[in-house]
Amino acid sequence: NNMAPKLIYFPIGGRAAPLRNAFKLGKIEFEDVHVTFDEFKAAKAAGEYTFGAVPVLILDDGTQVTQSNAILNWIGRQAGLIPSDAKEALFVDEVVCSIEDSYNLI
């Protein structure tokens, strides 16, 4: 009985927007859990998030993963969005890294 992965983030796009889009593009069902900043602070203080940050992805076996690029890569693999050809996959990584660079400019 597999449960849908649970994505935890604030009720804004931010770092979760590409993740939500990849889930939808890959036709992967997921639970989109929105937390308020106060709920986040309380969960962080309680040690509920591995690295004390969101987004967090919780898999059906309870595995918790943070870091948006790691989550995006996992979604891409699950949905077959990452090419099996190493050179083509390199171009996908290039685009993802370019997007990450643009986030760091903001």
Protein backbone atom coordinates (compact mmCIF):
# COMPACT_ATOMS: atom_id res chain seq x y z
CA ASN A 1 0.00 0.00 0.00
CA ASN A 2 2.14 2.86 -1.27
CA MET A 3 1.23 6.31 -0.11
CA ALA A 4 1.91 9.37 -2.22
CA PRO A 5 5.11 11.25 -1.36
CA LYS A 6 4.53 14.25 0.88
CA LEU A 7 6.10 17.60 -0.05
CA ILE A 8 6.30 20.10 2.80
CA TYR A 9 6.82 23.80 2.08
CA PHE A 10 5.32 27.21 2.63
CA PRO A 11 2.13 28.15 0.70
CA ILE A 12 4.19 29.98 -1.94
CA GLY A 13 6.12 28.94 -5.03
CA GLY A 14 9.72 29.52 -3.98
CA ARG A 15 11.96 26.48 -4.00
CA ALA A 16 8.96 24.14 -4.12
CA ALA A 17 7.55 25.49 -7.40
CA PRO A 18 9.87 23.42 -9.65
CA LEU A 19 9.16 20.36 -7.49
CA ARG A 20 5.40 20.75 -7.73
CA ASN A 21 5.69 21.33 -11.48
CA ALA A 22 7.88 18.25 -11.95
CA PHE A 23 5.42 16.09 -9.98
CA LYS A 24 2.60 17.33 -12.21
CA LEU A 25 4.59 17.05 -15.44
CA GLY A 26 5.65 13.53 -14.49
CA LYS A 27 2.10 12.61 -13.51
CA ILE A 28 3.22 11.57 -10.03
CA GLU A 29 0.60 11.92 -7.32
CA PHE A 30 1.90 13.77 -4.26
CA GLU A 31 0.57 15.40 -1.12
CA ASP A 32 1.31 19.12 -1.14
CA VAL A 33 1.53 20.11 2.54
CA HIS A 34 1.70 23.83 3.27
CA VAL A 35 3.12 25.04 6.58
CA THR A 36 3.00 28.52 8.01
CA PHE A 37 6.22 30.19 9.09
CA ASP A 38 5.23 29.66 12.74
CA GLU A 39 4.55 25.95 12.10
CA PHE A 40 7.92 25.70 10.35
CA LYS A 41 9.74 27.37 13.27
CA ALA A 42 8.09 24.99 15.76
CA ALA A 43 8.89 21.90 13.67
CA LYS A 44 12.47 23.08 13.18
CA ALA A 45 12.89 23.71 16.91
CA ALA A 46 11.51 20.22 17.59
CA GLY A 47 14.08 18.73 15.20
CA GLU A 48 11.46 17.42 12.79
CA TYR A 49 13.40 18.43 9.66
CA THR A 50 16.70 16.71 8.93
CA PHE A 51 18.60 19.88 8.03
CA GLY A 52 16.21 22.32 9.68
CA ALA A 53 14.96 23.54 6.32
CA VAL A 54 12.18 23.10 3.79
CA PRO A 55 11.27 21.87 1.25
CA VAL A 56 11.11 18.40 2.74
CA LEU A 57 10.01 15.30 0.86
CA ILE A 58 8.73 12.36 2.88
CA LEU A 59 8.54 9.06 1.02
CA ASP A 60 6.04 6.29 1.72
CA ASP A 61 8.55 4.43 3.91
CA GLY A 62 9.08 7.53 6.07
CA THR A 63 12.41 8.50 4.49
CA GLN A 64 12.87 12.25 4.73
CA VAL A 65 14.89 14.21 2.17
CA THR A 66 15.68 17.90 2.01
CA GLN A 67 17.52 19.97 -0.58
CA SER A 68 15.35 21.01 -3.51
CA ASN A 69 17.79 19.86 -6.21
CA ALA A 70 18.06 16.38 -4.71
CA ILE A 71 14.27 16.16 -4.55
CA LEU A 72 13.95 17.46 -8.12
CA ASN A 73 16.44 14.87 -9.32
CA TRP A 74 14.49 12.09 -7.56
CA ILE A 75 11.20 13.24 -9.10
CA GLY A 76 12.85 13.40 -12.52
CA ARG A 77 14.14 9.85 -12.20
CA GLN A 78 10.80 8.52 -10.91
CA ALA A 79 8.91 10.19 -13.77
CA GLY A 80 11.39 9.32 -16.50
CA LEU A 81 12.10 13.01 -17.09
CA ILE A 82 15.88 12.54 -16.93
CA PRO A 83 17.33 11.06 -20.12
CA SER A 84 19.20 7.75 -19.87
CA ASP A 85 21.83 9.07 -22.29
CA ALA A 86 24.65 10.59 -20.21
CA LYS A 87 25.20 13.55 -22.54
CA GLU A 88 21.50 14.41 -22.68
CA ALA A 89 21.30 14.08 -18.87
CA LEU A 90 24.26 16.45 -18.64
CA PHE A 91 22.24 19.09 -20.48
CA VAL A 92 19.35 18.60 -18.04
CA ASP A 93 21.77 19.12 -15.15
CA GLU A 94 23.10 22.23 -16.88
CA VAL A 95 19.63 23.76 -17.02
CA VAL A 96 18.86 22.83 -13.40
CA CYS A 97 22.16 24.36 -12.25
CA SER A 98 21.49 27.53 -14.26
CA ILE A 99 18.12 27.88 -12.57
CA GLU A 100 19.82 27.37 -9.19
CA ASP A 101 22.29 30.12 -10.05
CA SER A 102 19.41 32.48 -10.79
CA TYR A 103 17.83 31.70 -7.38
CA ASN A 104 21.12 32.68 -5.72
CA LEU A 105 20.99 36.08 -7.43
CA ILE A 106 17.66 36.94 -5.82
